[in-house]
């Protein structure tokens, strides 16, 4: 996210024409709104990671029951999920 912001600021600093008058400083955004967006994005990623870990451990528990049908169901579900 930092690289994209840096690129955006660099592109905004480029002049629209070759005249010196077109060179203006880009307006600064409110740092509070950027921090709020970053927090929401990071919180969403964290919750998604927790969900993946919990489902992974539940799947491992099911497969370790040594039931062939549960194992085949887990493999089929994983294959279908990846395909979709």
PDB file of N, CA and C in Angstrom:
ATOM      1  N   UNK A   1       0.827  -1.178   0.000  1.00  0.00           N
ATOM      2  CA  UNK A   1       0.000   0.000   0.000  1.00  0.00           C
ATOM      3  C   UNK A   1       0.874   1.245   0.000  1.00  0.00           C
ATOM      4  N   UNK A   2       2.049   1.179   0.591  1.00  0.00           N
ATOM      5  CA  UNK A   2       2.950   2.319   0.624  1.00  0.00           C
ATOM      6  C   UNK A   2       3.508   2.649  -0.743  1.00  0.00           C
ATOM      7  N   UNK A   3       3.819   1.617  -1.542  1.00  0.00           N
ATOM      8  CA  UNK A   3       4.349   1.842  -2.880  1.00  0.00           C
ATOM      9  C   UNK A   3       3.322   2.508  -3.773  1.00  0.00           C
ATOM     10  N   UNK A   4       2.066   2.096  -3.643  1.00  0.00           N
ATOM     11  CA  UNK A   4       1.007   2.681  -4.457  1.00  0.00           C
ATOM     12  C   UNK A   4       0.813   4.150  -4.105  1.00  0.00           C
ATOM     13  N   UNK A   5       0.870   4.474  -2.836  1.00  0.00           N
ATOM     14  CA  UNK A   5       0.717   5.862  -2.413  1.00  0.00           C
ATOM     15  C   UNK A   5       1.885   6.704  -2.898  1.00  0.00           C
ATOM     16  N   UNK A   6       3.094   6.158  -2.828  1.00  0.00           N
ATOM     17  CA  UNK A   6       4.272   6.871  -3.307  1.00  0.00           C
ATOM     18  C   UNK A   6       4.179   7.114  -4.810  1.00  0.00           C
ATOM     19  N   UNK A   7       3.741   6.108  -5.572  1.00  0.00           N
ATOM     20  CA  UNK A   7       3.585   6.261  -7.016  1.00  0.00           C
ATOM     21  C   UNK A   7       2.521   7.297  -7.336  1.00  0.00           C
ATOM     22  N   UNK A   8       1.423   7.276  -6.591  1.00  0.00           N
ATOM     23  CA  UNK A   8       0.348   8.250  -6.819  1.00  0.00           C
ATOM     24  C   UNK A   8       0.836   9.666  -6.583  1.00  0.00           C
ATOM     25  N   UNK A   9       1.578   9.864  -5.501  1.00  0.00           N
ATOM     26  CA  UNK A   9       2.102  11.207  -5.215  1.00  0.00           C
ATOM     27  C   UNK A   9       3.097  11.658  -6.270  1.00  0.00           C
ATOM     28  N   UNK A  10       3.908  10.708  -6.765  1.00  0.00           N
ATOM     29  CA  UNK A  10       4.870  11.060  -7.811  1.00  0.00           C
ATOM     30  C   UNK A  10       4.144  11.442  -9.091  1.00  0.00           C
ATOM     31  N   UNK A  11       3.084  10.715  -9.436  1.00  0.00           N
ATOM     32  CA  UNK A  11       2.332  11.037 -10.643  1.00  0.00           C
ATOM     33  C   UNK A  11       1.592  12.362 -10.508  1.00  0.00           C
ATOM     34  N   UNK A  12       1.095  12.661  -9.320  1.00  0.00           N
ATOM     35  CA  UNK A  12       0.422  13.950  -9.109  1.00  0.00           C
ATOM     36  C   UNK A  12       1.404  15.112  -9.186  1.00  0.00           C
ATOM     37  N   UNK A  13       2.659  14.864  -8.870  1.00  0.00           N
ATOM     38  CA  UNK A  13       3.655  15.928  -8.901  1.00  0.00           C
ATOM     39  C   UNK A  13       4.143  16.236 -10.308  1.00  0.00           C
ATOM     40  N   UNK A  14       3.879  15.329 -11.256  1.00  0.00           N
ATOM     41  CA  UNK A  14       4.298  15.573 -12.631  1.00  0.00           C
ATOM     42  C   UNK A  14       3.483  16.720 -13.217  1.00  0.00           C
ATOM     43  N   UNK A  15       4.110  17.590 -14.008  1.00  0.00           N
ATOM     44  CA  UNK A  15       3.367  18.698 -14.610  1.00  0.00           C
ATOM     45  C   UNK A  15       2.447  18.191 -15.721  1.00  0.00           C
ATOM     46  N   UNK A  16       1.310  18.893 -15.897  1.00  0.00           N
ATOM     47  CA  UNK A  16       0.376  18.533 -16.955  1.00  0.00           C
ATOM     48  C   UNK A  16       0.878  19.026 -18.304  1.00  0.00           C
ATOM     49  N   UNK A  17       1.710  20.022 -18.302  1.00  0.00           N
ATOM     50  CA  UNK A  17       2.310  20.535 -19.533  1.00  0.00           C
ATOM     51  C   UNK A  17       3.783  20.821 -19.249  1.00  0.00           C
ATOM     52  N   UNK A  18       4.469  21.330 -20.240  1.00  0.00           N
ATOM     53  CA  UNK A  18       5.896  21.587 -20.075  1.00  0.00           C
ATOM     54  C   UNK A  18       6.178  22.931 -19.407  1.00  0.00           C
ATOM     55  N   UNK A  19       5.161  23.748 -19.192  1.00  0.00           N
ATOM     56  CA  UNK A  19       5.395  25.059 -18.574  1.00  0.00           C
ATOM     57  C   UNK A  19       5.657  24.904 -17.082  1.00  0.00           C
ATOM     58  N   UNK A  20       6.401  25.817 -16.533  1.00  0.00           N
ATOM     59  CA  UNK A  20       6.752  25.774 -15.117  1.00  0.00           C
ATOM     60  C   UNK A  20       5.532  26.058 -14.242  1.00  0.00           C
ATOM     61  N   UNK A  21       4.531  26.741 -14.790  1.00  0.00           N
ATOM     62  CA  UNK A  21       3.352  27.102 -14.009  1.00  0.00           C
ATOM     63  C   UNK A  21       2.538  25.879 -13.599  1.00  0.00           C
ATOM     64  N   UNK A  22       2.638  24.809 -14.362  1.00  0.00           N
ATOM     65  CA  UNK A  22       1.818  23.638 -14.086  1.00  0.00           C
ATOM     66  C   UNK A  22       2.340  22.813 -12.920  1.00  0.00           C
ATOM     67  N   UNK A  23       3.549  23.099 -12.444  1.00  0.00           N
ATOM     68  CA  UNK A  23       4.111  22.313 -11.351  1.00  0.00           C
ATOM     69  C   UNK A  23       3.505  22.815 -10.042  1.00  0.00           C
ATOM     70  N   UNK A  24       2.708  21.968  -9.410  1.00  0.00           N
ATOM     71  CA  UNK A  24       2.086  22.318  -8.138  1.00  0.00           C
ATOM     72  C   UNK A  24       2.307  21.174  -7.178  1.00  0.00           C
ATOM     73  N   UNK A  25       2.282  21.487  -5.920  1.00  0.00           N
ATOM     74  CA  UNK A  25       2.421  20.466  -4.890  1.00  0.00           C
ATOM     75  C   UNK A  25       1.110  19.703  -4.772  1.00  0.00           C
ATOM     76  N   UNK A  26       1.171  18.378  -4.670  1.00  0.00           N
ATOM     77  CA  UNK A  26      -0.076  17.630  -4.461  1.00  0.00           C
ATOM     78  C   UNK A  26      -0.643  17.923  -3.086  1.00  0.00           C
ATOM     79  N   UNK A  27      -1.963  17.943  -3.020  1.00  0.00           N
ATOM     80  CA  UNK A  27      -2.616  18.202  -1.738  1.00  0.00           C
ATOM     81  C   UNK A  27      -2.443  16.991  -0.838  1.00  0.00           C
ATOM     82  N   UNK A  28      -2.156  17.258   0.415  1.00  0.00           N
ATOM     83  CA  UNK A  28      -1.989  16.174   1.389  1.00  0.00           C
ATOM     84  C   UNK A  28      -3.348  15.664   1.822  1.00  0.00           C
ATOM     85  N   UNK A  29      -3.458  14.360   1.917  1.00  0.00           N
ATOM     86  CA  UNK A  29      -4.690  13.768   2.418  1.00  0.00           C
ATOM     87  C   UNK A  29      -4.682  13.790   3.939  1.00  0.00           C
ATOM     88  N   UNK A  30      -5.853  13.645   4.497  1.00  0.00           N
ATOM     89  CA  UNK A  30      -5.973  13.580   5.950  1.00  0.00           C
ATOM     90  C   UNK A  30      -5.334  12.276   6.430  1.00  0.00           C
ATOM     91  N   UNK A  31      -4.261  12.346   7.258  1.00  0.00           N
ATOM     92  CA  UNK A  31      -3.607  11.110   7.688  1.00  0.00           C
ATOM     93  C   UNK A  31      -4.516  10.201   8.514  1.00  0.00           C
ATOM     94  N   UNK A  32      -5.518  10.757   9.151  1.00  0.00           N
ATOM     95  CA  UNK A  32      -6.424   9.954   9.953  1.00  0.00           C
ATOM     96  C   UNK A  32      -7.263   9.010   9.110  1.00  0.00           C
ATOM     97  N   UNK A  33      -7.693   9.485   7.920  1.00  0.00           N
ATOM     98  CA  UNK A  33      -8.511   8.623   7.062  1.00  0.00           C
ATOM     99  C   UNK A  33      -7.667   7.487   6.487  1.00  0.00           C
ATOM    100  N   UNK A  34      -6.406   7.769   6.160  1.00  0.00           N
ATOM    101  CA  UNK A  34      -5.518   6.725   5.640  1.00  0.00           C
ATOM    102  C   UNK A  34      -5.254   5.669   6.713  1.00  0.00           C
ATOM    103  N   UNK A  35      -5.065   6.105   7.943  1.00  0.00           N
ATOM    104  CA  UNK A  35      -4.828   5.166   9.035  1.00  0.00           C
ATOM    105  C   UNK A  35      -6.073   4.330   9.297  1.00  0.00           C
ATOM    106  N   UNK A  36      -7.248   4.919   9.180  1.00  0.00           N
ATOM    107  CA  UNK A  36      -8.491   4.186   9.371  1.00  0.00           C
ATOM    108  C   UNK A  36      -8.693   3.119   8.307  1.00  0.00           C
ATOM    109  N   UNK A  37      -8.373   3.468   7.047  1.00  0.00           N
ATOM    110  CA  UNK A  37      -8.481   2.490   5.972  1.00  0.00           C
ATOM    111  C   UNK A  37      -7.485   1.360   6.189  1.00  0.00           C
ATOM    112  N   UNK A  38      -6.266   1.699   6.606  1.00  0.00           N
ATOM    113  CA  UNK A  38      -5.243   0.680   6.833  1.00  0.00           C
ATOM    114  C   UNK A  38      -5.680  -0.260   7.953  1.00  0.00           C
ATOM    115  N   UNK A  39      -6.249   0.301   9.017  1.00  0.00           N
ATOM    116  CA  UNK A  39      -6.689  -0.522  10.143  1.00  0.00           C
ATOM    117  C   UNK A  39      -7.790  -1.471   9.719  1.00  0.00           C
ATOM    118  N   UNK A  40      -8.764  -0.985   8.964  1.00  0.00           N
ATOM    119  CA  UNK A  40      -9.854  -1.836   8.496  1.00  0.00           C
ATOM    120  C   UNK A  40      -9.350  -2.956   7.599  1.00  0.00           C
ATOM    121  N   UNK A  41      -8.433  -2.625   6.705  1.00  0.00           N
ATOM    122  CA  UNK A  41      -7.858  -3.624   5.801  1.00  0.00           C
ATOM    123  C   UNK A  41      -7.086  -4.672   6.595  1.00  0.00           C
ATOM    124  N   UNK A  42      -6.285  -4.229   7.549  1.00  0.00           N
ATOM    125  CA  UNK A  42      -5.472  -5.136   8.362  1.00  0.00           C
ATOM    126  C   UNK A  42      -6.360  -6.011   9.251  1.00  0.00           C
ATOM    127  N   UNK A  43      -7.416  -5.435   9.811  1.00  0.00           N
ATOM    128  CA  UNK A  43      -8.339  -6.214  10.647  1.00  0.00           C
ATOM    129  C   UNK A  43      -9.048  -7.274   9.810  1.00  0.00           C
ATOM    130  N   UNK A  44      -9.425  -6.927   8.592  1.00  0.00           N
ATOM    131  CA  UNK A  44     -10.052  -7.893   7.698  1.00  0.00           C
ATOM    132  C   UNK A  44      -9.112  -9.040   7.349  1.00  0.00           C
ATOM    133  N   UNK A  45      -7.856  -8.702   7.060  1.00  0.00           N
ATOM    134  CA  UNK A  45      -6.868  -9.747   6.768  1.00  0.00           C
ATOM    135  C   UNK A  45      -6.649 -10.644   7.979  1.00  0.00           C
ATOM    136  N   UNK A  46      -6.627 -10.061   9.163  1.00  0.00           N
ATOM    137  CA  UNK A  46      -6.423 -10.843  10.388  1.00  0.00           C
ATOM    138  C   UNK A  46      -7.574 -11.810  10.603  1.00  0.00           C
ATOM    139  N   UNK A  47      -8.805 -11.347  10.444  1.00  0.00           N
ATOM    140  CA  UNK A  47      -9.961 -12.220  10.622  1.00  0.00           C
ATOM    141  C   UNK A  47      -9.975 -13.339   9.585  1.00  0.00           C
ATOM    142  N   UNK A  48      -9.603 -13.029   8.357  1.00  0.00           N
ATOM    143  CA  UNK A  48      -9.538 -14.041   7.309  1.00  0.00           C
ATOM    144  C   UNK A  48      -8.476 -15.089   7.642  1.00  0.00           C
ATOM    145  N   UNK A  49      -7.340 -14.659   8.182  1.00  0.00           N
ATOM    146  CA  UNK A  49      -6.278 -15.590   8.569  1.00  0.00           C
ATOM    147  C   UNK A  49      -6.759 -16.515   9.696  1.00  0.00           C
ATOM    148  N   UNK A  50      -7.436 -15.950  10.682  1.00  0.00           N
ATOM    149  CA  UNK A  50      -7.952 -16.755  11.798  1.00  0.00           C
ATOM    150  C   UNK A  50      -8.941 -17.794  11.274  1.00  0.00           C
ATOM    151  N   UNK A  51      -9.813 -17.391  10.366  1.00  0.00           N
ATOM    152  CA  UNK A  51     -10.777 -18.315   9.779  1.00  0.00           C
ATOM    153  C   UNK A  51     -10.065 -19.450   9.038  1.00  0.00           C
ATOM    154  N   UNK A  52      -9.016 -19.126   8.280  1.00  0.00           N
ATOM    155  CA  UNK A  52      -8.264 -20.154   7.565  1.00  0.00           C
ATOM    156  C   UNK A  52      -7.591 -21.132   8.527  1.00  0.00           C
ATOM    157  N   UNK A  53      -7.010 -20.620   9.601  1.00  0.00           N
ATOM    158  CA  UNK A  53      -6.327 -21.487  10.563  1.00  0.00           C
ATOM    159  C   UNK A  53      -7.331 -22.410  11.261  1.00  0.00           C
ATOM    160  N   UNK A  54      -8.454 -21.856  11.696  1.00  0.00           N
ATOM    161  CA  UNK A  54      -9.468 -22.660  12.384  1.00  0.00           C
ATOM    162  C   UNK A  54     -10.001 -23.747  11.457  1.00  0.00           C
ATOM    163  N   UNK A  55     -10.339 -23.393  10.224  1.00  0.00           N
ATOM    164  CA  UNK A  55     -10.845 -24.394   9.284  1.00  0.00           C
ATOM    165  C   UNK A  55      -9.784 -25.436   8.958  1.00  0.00           C
ATOM    166  N   UNK A  56      -8.529 -25.025   8.876  1.00  0.00           N
ATOM    167  CA  UNK A  56      -7.448 -25.968   8.617  1.00  0.00           C
ATOM    168  C   UNK A  56      -7.304 -26.988   9.727  1.00  0.00           C
ATOM    169  N   UNK A  57      -7.361 -26.521  10.972  1.00  0.00           N
ATOM    170  CA  UNK A  57      -7.247 -27.453  12.099  1.00  0.00           C
ATOM    171  C   UNK A  57      -8.469 -28.367  12.193  1.00  0.00           C
ATOM    172  N   UNK A  58      -9.668 -27.849  11.918  1.00  0.00           N
ATOM    173  CA  UNK A  58     -10.860 -28.697  11.927  1.00  0.00           C
ATOM    174  C   UNK A  58     -10.788 -29.761  10.833  1.00  0.00           C
ATOM    175  N   UNK A  59     -10.287 -29.366   9.665  1.00  0.00           N
ATOM    176  CA  UNK A  59     -10.124 -30.318   8.577  1.00  0.00           C
ATOM    177  C   UNK A  59      -9.089 -31.381   8.939  1.00  0.00           C
ATOM    178  N   UNK A  60      -8.005 -30.970   9.576  1.00  0.00           N
ATOM    179  CA  UNK A  60      -6.981 -31.928  10.001  1.00  0.00           C
ATOM    180  C   UNK A  60      -7.569 -32.912  11.014  1.00  0.00           C
ATOM    181  N   UNK A  61      -8.379 -32.417  11.935  1.00  0.00           N
ATOM    182  CA  UNK A  61      -9.005 -33.291  12.923  1.00  0.00           C
ATOM    183  C   UNK A  61      -9.916 -34.311  12.256  1.00  0.00           C
ATOM    184  N   UNK A  62     -10.687 -33.845  11.261  1.00  0.00           N
ATOM    185  CA  UNK A  62     -11.599 -34.753  10.557  1.00  0.00           C
ATOM    186  C   UNK A  62     -10.821 -35.816   9.799  1.00  0.00           C
ATOM    187  N   UNK A  63      -9.753 -35.427   9.106  1.00  0.00           N
ATOM    188  CA  UNK A  63      -8.970 -36.379   8.325  1.00  0.00           C
ATOM    189  C   UNK A  63      -8.255 -37.362   9.240  1.00  0.00           C
ATOM    190  N   UNK A  64      -7.835 -36.914  10.411  1.00  0.00           N
ATOM    191  CA  UNK A  64      -7.113 -37.806  11.320  1.00  0.00           C
ATOM    192  C   UNK A  64      -8.032 -38.808  12.018  1.00  0.00           C
ATOM    193  N   UNK A  65      -9.312 -38.762  11.715  1.00  0.00           N
ATOM    194  CA  UNK A  65     -10.215 -39.785  12.240  1.00  0.00           C
ATOM    195  C   UNK A  65     -10.034 -41.096  11.480  1.00  0.00           C
ATOM    196  N   UNK A  66      -9.227 -41.064  10.422  1.00  0.00           N
ATOM    197  CA  UNK A  66      -8.905 -42.233   9.593  1.00  0.00           C
ATOM    198  C   UNK A  66     -10.144 -42.847   8.941  1.00  0.00           C
ATOM    199  N   UNK A  67     -11.133 -42.006   8.682  1.00  0.00           N
ATOM    200  CA  UNK A  67     -12.305 -42.437   7.939  1.00  0.00           C
ATOM    201  C   UNK A  67     -12.059 -42.088   6.473  1.00  0.00           C
ATOM    202  N   UNK A  68     -12.040 -43.096   5.614  1.00  0.00           N
ATOM    203  CA  UNK A  68     -11.704 -42.882   4.200  1.00  0.00           C
ATOM    204  C   UNK A  68     -12.694 -41.950   3.514  1.00  0.00           C
ATOM    205  N   UNK A  69     -13.985 -42.033   3.866  1.00  0.00           N
ATOM    206  CA  UNK A  69     -14.977 -41.177   3.219  1.00  0.00           C
ATOM    207  C   UNK A  69     -14.793 -39.706   3.612  1.00  0.00           C
ATOM    208  N   UNK A  70     -14.458 -39.457   4.863  1.00  0.00           N
ATOM    209  CA  UNK A  70     -14.206 -38.072   5.295  1.00  0.00           C
ATOM    210  C   UNK A  70     -12.958 -37.544   4.597  1.00  0.00           C
ATOM    211  N   UNK A  71     -11.938 -38.395   4.476  1.00  0.00           N
ATOM    212  CA  UNK A  71     -10.709 -37.999   3.791  1.00  0.00           C
ATOM    213  C   UNK A  71     -10.993 -37.664   2.323  1.00  0.00           C
ATOM    214  N   UNK A  72     -11.735 -38.532   1.622  1.00  0.00           N
ATOM    215  CA  UNK A  72     -12.067 -38.266   0.217  1.00  0.00           C
ATOM    216  C   UNK A  72     -12.937 -37.016   0.078  1.00  0.00           C
ATOM    217  N   UNK A  73     -13.848 -36.805   1.023  1.00  0.00           N
ATOM    218  CA  UNK A  73     -14.676 -35.596   1.007  1.00  0.00           C
ATOM    219  C   UNK A  73     -13.843 -34.338   1.178  1.00  0.00           C
ATOM    220  N   UNK A  74     -12.834 -34.408   2.048  1.00  0.00           N
ATOM    221  CA  UNK A  74     -11.946 -33.257   2.261  1.00  0.00           C
ATOM    222  C   UNK A  74     -11.136 -32.961   1.003  1.00  0.00           C
ATOM    223  N   UNK A  75     -10.652 -34.018   0.350  1.00  0.00           N
ATOM    224  CA  UNK A  75      -9.878 -33.831  -0.881  1.00  0.00           C
ATOM    225  C   UNK A  75     -10.765 -33.269  -1.986  1.00  0.00           C
ATOM    226  N   UNK A  76     -11.957 -33.832  -2.147  1.00  0.00           N
ATOM    227  CA  UNK A  76     -12.890 -33.349  -3.165  1.00  0.00           C
ATOM    228  C   UNK A  76     -13.302 -31.898  -2.894  1.00  0.00           C
ATOM    229  N   UNK A  77     -13.589 -31.573  -1.645  1.00  0.00           N
ATOM    230  CA  UNK A  77     -13.963 -30.203  -1.278  1.00  0.00           C
ATOM    231  C   UNK A  77     -12.837 -29.219  -1.527  1.00  0.00           C
ATOM    232  N   UNK A  78     -11.625 -29.633  -1.209  1.00  0.00           N
ATOM    233  CA  UNK A  78     -10.469 -28.770  -1.448  1.00  0.00           C
ATOM    234  C   UNK A  78     -10.262 -28.538  -2.942  1.00  0.00           C
ATOM    235  N   UNK A  79     -10.429 -29.605  -3.734  1.00  0.00           N
ATOM    236  CA  UNK A  79     -10.278 -29.489  -5.189  1.00  0.00           C
ATOM    237  C   UNK A  79     -11.337 -28.578  -5.785  1.00  0.00           C
ATOM    238  N   UNK A  80     -12.588 -28.791  -5.383  1.00  0.00           N
ATOM    239  CA  UNK A  80     -13.673 -27.940  -5.886  1.00  0.00           C
ATOM    240  C   UNK A  80     -13.513 -26.491  -5.446  1.00  0.00           C
ATOM    241  N   UNK A  81     -13.110 -26.292  -4.203  1.00  0.00           N
ATOM    242  CA  UNK A  81     -12.904 -24.938  -3.706  1.00  0.00           C
ATOM    243  C   UNK A  81     -11.813 -24.199  -4.451  1.00  0.00           C
ATOM    244  N   UNK A  82     -10.741 -24.885  -4.763  1.00  0.00           N
ATOM    245  CA  UNK A  82      -9.645 -24.260  -5.508  1.00  0.00           C
ATOM    246  C   UNK A  82     -10.089 -23.956  -6.938  1.00  0.00           C
ATOM    247  N   UNK A  83     -10.837 -24.891  -7.534  1.00  0.00           N
ATOM    248  CA  UNK A  83     -11.293 -24.704  -8.915  1.00  0.00           C
ATOM    249  C   UNK A  83     -12.222 -23.499  -9.026  1.00  0.00           C
ATOM    250  N   UNK A  84     -13.124 -23.379  -8.067  1.00  0.00           N
ATOM    251  CA  UNK A  84     -14.085 -22.261  -8.109  1.00  0.00           C
ATOM    252  C   UNK A  84     -13.409 -20.972  -7.723  1.00  0.00           C
TER     253      UNK A  84
END
